[in-house]
Protein backbone atom coordinates (compact mmCIF):
# COMPACT_ATOMS: atom_id res chain seq x y z
CA UNK A 1 -21.13 -6.41 22.76
CA UNK A 2 -22.24 -4.42 25.72
CA UNK A 3 -19.86 -4.26 28.63
CA UNK A 4 -17.16 -6.59 27.60
CA UNK A 5 -14.87 -8.04 29.84
CA UNK A 6 -11.86 -10.08 29.31
CA UNK A 7 -13.58 -13.47 30.38
CA UNK A 8 -16.38 -12.46 27.47
CA UNK A 9 -13.62 -11.90 24.91
CA UNK A 10 -11.33 -14.86 25.24
CA UNK A 11 -14.88 -16.97 25.41
CA UNK A 12 -16.37 -15.72 22.33
CA UNK A 13 -15.92 -18.00 19.40
CA UNK A 14 -16.25 -14.92 17.23
CA UNK A 15 -13.32 -13.26 19.06
CA UNK A 16 -11.08 -15.84 19.05
CA UNK A 17 -11.49 -16.16 14.93
CA UNK A 18 -10.38 -12.65 14.58
CA UNK A 19 -7.40 -13.36 16.73
CA UNK A 20 -6.76 -16.52 14.73
CA UNK A 21 -7.67 -15.46 11.31
CA UNK A 22 -7.14 -12.49 9.57
CA UNK A 23 -9.28 -13.10 6.37
CA UNK A 24 -12.23 -13.92 8.01
CA UNK A 25 -15.81 -12.07 8.25
CA UNK A 26 -14.64 -11.94 12.27
CA UNK A 27 -12.05 -10.01 11.73
CA UNK A 28 -13.71 -7.19 9.70
CA UNK A 29 -16.28 -7.24 12.34
CA UNK A 30 -13.98 -7.14 15.32
CA UNK A 31 -11.96 -4.47 13.37
CA UNK A 32 -14.46 -1.98 12.72
CA UNK A 33 -15.81 -2.89 16.39
CA UNK A 34 -12.51 -1.72 17.62
CA UNK A 35 -12.44 1.73 15.44
CA UNK A 36 -16.29 2.28 17.28
CA UNK A 37 -14.81 1.63 20.48
CA UNK A 38 -11.29 3.02 21.20
CA UNK A 39 -11.83 2.86 24.65
CA UNK A 40 -11.65 -0.55 24.82
CA UNK A 41 -8.41 -1.15 22.78
CA UNK A 42 -6.41 -2.06 25.56
CA UNK A 43 -8.47 -4.68 26.89
CA UNK A 44 -8.59 -6.10 23.16
CA UNK A 45 -4.96 -6.28 23.15
CA UNK A 46 -4.85 -8.05 26.60
CA UNK A 47 -7.61 -10.25 25.46
CA UNK A 48 -5.94 -11.08 22.15
CA UNK A 49 -2.45 -12.03 23.86
CA UNK A 50 -4.22 -14.29 26.41
CA UNK A 51 -5.89 -15.91 23.16
CA UNK A 52 -3.03 -16.24 21.36
CA UNK A 53 -1.04 -17.73 24.32
CA UNK A 54 -3.33 -20.44 25.36
CA UNK A 55 -3.48 -21.34 21.14
CA UNK A 56 0.37 -22.18 21.76
CA UNK A 57 -0.29 -24.23 24.52
CA UNK A 58 -1.22 -28.16 24.11
CA UNK A 59 -4.75 -29.49 23.76
CA UNK A 60 -6.05 -31.39 26.79
CA UNK A 61 -6.18 -34.29 24.34
CA UNK A 62 -2.92 -33.63 23.41
CA UNK A 63 -1.65 -33.96 26.98
CA UNK A 64 -3.55 -36.75 28.13
CA UNK A 65 -2.05 -38.62 24.92
CA UNK A 66 1.59 -38.10 26.35
CA UNK A 67 0.40 -38.73 30.00
CA UNK A 68 -1.10 -42.22 28.63
CA UNK A 69 2.51 -42.82 26.63
CA UNK A 70 4.49 -42.17 29.82
CA UNK A 71 2.15 -44.71 32.08
CA UNK A 72 2.94 -47.35 29.12
CA UNK A 73 6.57 -46.63 29.15
CA UNK A 74 6.78 -46.66 32.76
CA UNK A 75 4.89 -50.13 33.16
CA UNK A 76 6.90 -52.01 30.08
CA UNK A 77 10.03 -50.55 32.21
CA UNK A 78 9.10 -53.26 35.08
CA UNK A 79 9.85 -56.05 32.42
CA UNK A 80 12.91 -55.05 30.55
CA UNK A 81 14.30 -51.93 32.37
CA UNK A 82 17.62 -51.37 30.93
CA UNK A 83 16.44 -51.97 27.50
CA UNK A 84 12.86 -49.51 27.63
CA UNK A 85 15.02 -47.00 29.83
CA UNK A 86 16.98 -46.16 26.43
CA UNK A 87 14.13 -46.64 24.48
CA UNK A 88 11.60 -44.56 25.87
CA UNK A 89 13.68 -42.11 27.79
CA UNK A 90 13.30 -39.33 25.08
CA UNK A 91 9.78 -39.47 25.12
CA UNK A 92 9.17 -39.55 28.92
CA UNK A 93 10.95 -36.36 28.92
CA UNK A 94 9.61 -34.53 26.26
CA UNK A 95 6.36 -35.31 27.97
CA UNK A 96 6.93 -34.36 31.32
CA UNK A 97 8.41 -31.14 29.67
CA UNK A 98 5.01 -30.37 27.62
CA UNK A 99 3.17 -31.06 30.83
CA UNK A 100 5.65 -28.81 32.89
CA UNK A 101 5.54 -25.86 30.70
CA UNK A 102 1.35 -26.00 30.65
CA UNK A 103 1.81 -25.96 34.64
CA UNK A 104 4.06 -23.04 34.33
CA UNK A 105 2.21 -20.97 31.73
CA UNK A 106 -1.12 -21.35 33.61
CA UNK A 107 0.81 -20.36 36.68
CA UNK A 108 2.38 -17.43 35.16
CA UNK A 109 -0.86 -16.12 33.57
CA UNK A 110 -1.31 -12.72 35.73
CA UNK A 111 2.77 -12.32 34.76
CA UNK A 112 1.49 -12.83 31.06
CA UNK A 113 -1.20 -10.43 31.40
CA UNK A 114 0.41 -7.67 33.09
CA UNK A 115 3.34 -7.63 30.51
CA UNK A 116 1.45 -8.72 27.22
CA UNK A 117 3.36 -9.24 23.75
CA UNK A 118 3.56 -5.61 21.91
CA UNK A 119 0.38 -5.98 19.65
CA UNK A 120 0.14 -2.73 18.06
CA UNK A 121 -3.56 -1.32 17.29
CA UNK A 122 -4.26 -0.55 13.81
CA UNK A 123 -6.66 2.39 13.71
CA UNK A 124 -8.43 3.77 10.71
CA UNK A 125 -9.93 7.60 9.99
CA UNK A 126 -12.61 7.60 7.05
CA UNK A 127 -13.91 11.05 6.07
CA UNK A 128 -17.34 11.10 4.38
CA UNK A 129 -18.50 13.35 1.30
CA UNK A 130 -18.51 17.00 2.06
CA UNK A 131 -16.60 16.80 5.65
CA UNK A 132 -13.08 17.57 6.51
CA UNK A 133 -11.51 15.96 9.72
CA UNK A 134 -8.48 17.09 11.88
CA UNK A 135 -6.48 14.35 13.61
CA UNK A 136 -4.11 14.52 15.68
CA UNK A 137 -1.43 11.53 16.14
CA UNK A 138 0.57 10.22 19.39
CA UNK A 139 3.77 11.95 18.50
CA UNK A 140 1.85 15.69 18.06
CA UNK A 141 1.82 15.37 14.31
CA UNK A 142 -1.25 17.14 13.12
CA UNK A 143 -3.06 16.03 9.80
CA UNK A 144 -6.23 17.56 8.13
CA UNK A 145 -8.16 15.10 5.94
CA UNK A 146 -10.16 16.40 2.88
CA UNK A 147 -13.59 14.65 1.93
CA UNK A 148 -13.76 10.92 1.01
CA UNK A 149 -10.11 10.39 2.08
CA UNK A 150 -8.48 7.80 4.55
CA UNK A 151 -6.12 7.66 7.19
CA UNK A 152 -4.73 4.35 8.55
CA UNK A 153 -2.10 5.10 11.54
CA UNK A 154 -0.86 2.73 14.34
CA UNK A 155 -2.10 3.52 17.96
CA UNK A 156 1.60 3.73 19.08
CA UNK A 157 4.70 4.31 16.37
CA UNK A 158 7.38 2.49 16.39
CA UNK A 159 10.79 3.41 18.01
CA UNK A 160 12.98 3.58 14.58
CA UNK A 161 9.83 5.19 12.02
CA UNK A 162 6.45 6.61 11.98
CA UNK A 163 4.73 5.37 9.54
CA UNK A 164 0.94 6.16 8.20
CA UNK A 165 -1.33 5.20 4.91
CA UNK A 166 -3.27 7.77 2.95
CA UNK A 167 -5.94 7.67 0.48
CA UNK A 168 -7.25 10.59 -0.82
CA UNK A 169 -6.26 14.13 0.40
CA UNK A 170 -4.43 15.27 3.59
CA UNK A 171 -2.43 18.45 4.78
CA UNK A 172 0.49 17.08 7.47
CA UNK A 173 1.88 19.45 10.04
CA UNK A 174 4.71 16.54 10.88
CA UNK A 175 6.50 16.77 14.54
CA UNK A 176 9.88 17.08 14.13
CA UNK A 177 11.92 14.04 15.24
CA UNK A 178 15.38 13.72 13.81
CA UNK A 179 15.67 10.10 15.08
CA UNK A 180 12.00 9.10 14.10
CA UNK A 181 11.24 9.72 10.17
CA UNK A 182 7.85 10.05 9.03
CA UNK A 183 6.68 8.17 6.18
CA UNK A 184 3.51 8.20 4.43
CA UNK A 185 2.47 5.66 1.94
CA UNK A 186 0.13 6.83 -0.60
CA UNK A 187 -0.71 5.44 -3.80
CA UNK A 188 2.48 4.82 -6.06
CA UNK A 189 4.85 6.83 -3.67
CA UNK A 190 6.12 6.86 -0.08
CA UNK A 191 6.58 10.43 0.75
CA UNK A 192 9.67 10.40 4.18
CA UNK A 193 10.00 13.51 6.11
CA UNK A 194 11.72 14.71 9.64
CA UNK A 195 9.44 17.67 10.31
CA UNK A 196 7.46 19.67 7.77
CA UNK A 197 4.12 20.87 6.55
CA UNK A 198 2.71 19.85 2.94
CA UNK A 199 -0.35 19.04 1.16
CA UNK A 200 -1.02 15.59 -0.48
CA UNK A 201 -3.65 14.65 -3.59
CA UNK A 202 -3.59 11.28 -4.10
CA UNK A 203 -7.08 9.57 -4.71
CA UNK A 204 -6.63 6.36 -6.28
CA UNK A 205 -9.09 7.29 -9.18
CA UNK A 206 -7.39 10.67 -10.21
CA UNK A 207 -5.38 10.59 -13.13
CA UNK A 208 -2.91 12.70 -11.53
CA UNK A 209 -1.41 12.89 -7.76
CA UNK A 210 0.48 15.81 -6.36
CA UNK A 211 2.55 16.86 -2.93
CA UNK A 212 2.97 20.78 -2.59
CA UNK A 213 5.91 21.64 0.04
CA UNK A 214 4.93 24.47 2.06
CA UNK A 215 7.83 24.07 5.11
CA UNK A 216 10.62 21.73 5.59
CA UNK A 217 12.27 19.15 3.33
CA UNK A 218 10.61 15.81 2.31
CA UNK A 219 11.65 13.32 0.07
CA UNK A 220 9.40 11.07 -2.08
CA UNK A 221 10.82 7.60 -3.36
CA UNK A 222 9.58 4.19 -4.89
CA UNK A 223 11.14 1.47 -7.02
CA UNK A 224 11.95 3.76 -9.74
CA UNK A 225 12.16 7.10 -8.04
CA UNK A 226 13.99 8.90 -5.36
CA UNK A 227 13.81 12.72 -5.37
CA UNK A 228 13.84 15.58 -2.59
CA UNK A 229 11.82 18.99 -3.29
CA UNK A 230 11.93 22.07 -1.27
CA UNK A 231 9.59 24.70 0.07
CA UNK A 232 7.22 26.03 -2.64
CA UNK A 233 7.77 23.07 -4.90
CA UNK A 234 5.07 20.47 -6.01
CA UNK A 235 5.64 17.48 -6.91
CA UNK A 236 3.41 16.16 -9.95
CA UNK A 237 2.70 12.88 -10.98
CA UNK A 238 1.12 11.81 -14.31
CA UNK A 239 -0.25 8.45 -13.59
CA UNK A 240 -1.29 7.62 -17.35
CA UNK A 241 2.17 8.56 -18.66
CA UNK A 242 3.87 7.43 -15.83
CA UNK A 243 6.04 10.74 -15.52
CA UNK A 244 6.62 13.67 -13.09
CA UNK A 245 7.23 17.02 -13.12
CA UNK A 246 8.16 19.98 -10.29
CA UNK A 247 6.54 22.93 -10.44
CA UNK A 248 5.98 26.05 -8.17
CA UNK A 249 2.74 26.63 -6.77
CA UNK A 250 0.25 29.04 -5.30
CA UNK A 251 0.48 28.36 -1.41
CA UNK A 252 -2.53 30.74 -0.32
CA UNK A 253 -4.55 28.72 -3.15
CA UNK A 254 -3.39 25.30 -1.69
CA UNK A 255 -4.42 25.88 1.58
CA UNK A 256 -7.74 27.29 0.29
CA UNK A 257 -8.14 23.81 -0.86
CA UNK A 258 -7.92 22.05 2.24
CA UNK A 259 -10.58 24.53 3.76
CA UNK A 260 -13.21 23.32 1.27
CA UNK A 261 -12.43 25.88 -1.81
CA UNK A 262 -12.29 24.31 -5.35
CA UNK A 263 -10.00 25.69 -7.84
CA UNK A 264 -10.48 24.41 -11.19
CA UNK A 265 -7.93 25.43 -14.06
CA UNK A 266 -8.91 23.87 -17.64
CA UNK A 267 -11.07 21.49 -15.80
CA UNK A 268 -13.11 18.65 -17.99
CA UNK A 269 -16.48 17.06 -17.00
CA UNK A 270 -14.71 14.17 -15.14
CA UNK A 271 -12.67 16.78 -13.22
CA UNK A 272 -15.81 19.03 -12.05
CA UNK A 273 -17.65 15.96 -11.30
CA UNK A 274 -15.01 14.00 -8.82
CA UNK A 275 -14.58 17.59 -6.73
CA UNK A 276 -18.51 17.65 -6.74
CA UNK A 277 -19.16 14.51 -5.91
CA UNK A 278 -16.28 14.82 -2.80
CA UNK A 279 -17.69 18.13 -1.27
CA UNK A 280 -21.40 17.47 -2.04
CA UNK A 281 -21.35 13.83 -1.63
CA UNK A 282 -23.80 13.54 -5.15
CA UNK A 283 -22.81 11.46 -8.12
CA UNK A 284 -21.93 12.26 -11.78
CA UNK A 285 -22.06 10.20 -15.31
CA UNK A 286 -18.10 9.07 -15.62
CA UNK A 287 -18.73 8.38 -19.16
CA UNK A 288 -20.91 11.44 -20.27
CA UNK A 289 -20.55 12.88 -23.41
CA UNK A 290 -19.80 16.19 -22.03
CA UNK A 291 -17.03 18.40 -23.65
CA UNK A 292 -16.27 20.58 -21.06
CA UNK A 293 -13.37 23.33 -20.57
CA UNK A 294 -13.71 24.96 -17.10
CA UNK A 295 -11.96 27.58 -15.40
CA UNK A 296 -12.89 28.90 -12.14
CA UNK A 297 -13.15 28.59 -7.90
CA UNK A 298 -16.34 27.55 -6.33
CA UNK A 299 -15.42 28.90 -2.38
CA UNK A 300 -18.47 28.43 0.13
CA UNK A 301 -21.47 28.06 -2.11
CA UNK A 302 -24.07 25.68 -1.52
CA UNK A 303 -24.71 23.18 -4.46
CA UNK A 304 -27.65 25.07 -6.23
CA UNK A 305 -25.39 28.21 -6.51
CA UNK A 306 -22.92 26.22 -7.81
CA UNK A 307 -24.83 24.61 -10.42
CA UNK A 308 -25.98 27.79 -11.62
CA UNK A 309 -22.54 28.96 -11.95
CA UNK A 310 -21.62 26.29 -13.76
CA UNK A 311 -24.73 26.71 -16.34
CA UNK A 312 -24.05 30.32 -16.78
CA UNK A 313 -20.35 30.32 -17.52
CA UNK A 314 -20.43 26.86 -19.84
CA UNK A 315 -22.27 26.05 -22.70
CA UNK A 316 -24.32 23.07 -20.92
CA UNK A 317 -27.04 23.65 -18.60
CA UNK A 318 -26.25 21.54 -15.28
CA UNK A 319 -28.88 20.48 -13.10
CA UNK A 320 -29.12 17.72 -9.94
CA UNK A 321 -31.30 14.42 -10.90
CA UNK A 322 -32.13 11.62 -8.33
CA UNK A 323 -28.43 13.04 -6.70
CA UNK A 324 -27.08 12.41 -10.09
CA UNK A 325 -25.02 15.53 -11.53
CA UNK A 326 -26.24 15.96 -15.26
CA UNK A 327 -25.43 18.17 -17.89
CA UNK A 328 -27.86 19.09 -20.93
CA UNK A 329 -26.26 21.16 -24.46
CA UNK A 330 -27.95 24.74 -24.22
């Protein structure tokens, strides 16, 4: 939609469907449109508020029907005024109330638009493969998102808490607010903080999730676990075994990870393939019969240099075919 206005939006059938039906294709379309046009968020909120207000009103047909019933009651009252007064008075009062409310709401429309219901816009930040992205939230919290990661967050936080959802990996530097905890929902866990800095690695397809704390204190919890970790500690959760450990970690190495440096420690072919796919935007054969045990570091080499390093240090020859990582036994 070019140059959207309030009148255009509330008259657009697809926008009305977006406001009323969260499971429709139009809902997905308008959510993407809002993400691509954030400068129109306030207009969308204003328009959506009006659509919901008008939706709650009776239709013209319903008003006309109630009006006709009222006229009929008045006419019949001339025949038996006392009897029909007792019978029809509740209905007549209801009809007058409906009509009166409609007139009142239409007259109050400017006031409604000036003070719309608090509809909070939800934003989504998706990072393509091979890229890193810095996001600053409205509370001052800074987030560095890793490749192929997604962060969902409200345009404006609630007064009681600050809540976001992460899929992937990110470094958080959370603004300190004692009375407004910051909660990250990621995978199997929630992470609750007041003000601190830490890395989260929580890709859905990975077998291990990790939360490494640099400063402050965080609480990690779900339905069965609730614990607190301190600076220098990492919470490492094995999804296959459904078990966790608390470990120390190299803070320098963790910071390098969020700057694009890949560190491998006895990594399998699947581990290497996932990391290269995220950093370089390639594919890999997840079920390939490759018995790999690789340890090493990939800093800021280009993909050809990475493939050469893997070939020189392992018993496999690595190449790229149709943008897919291939490994052949030497």
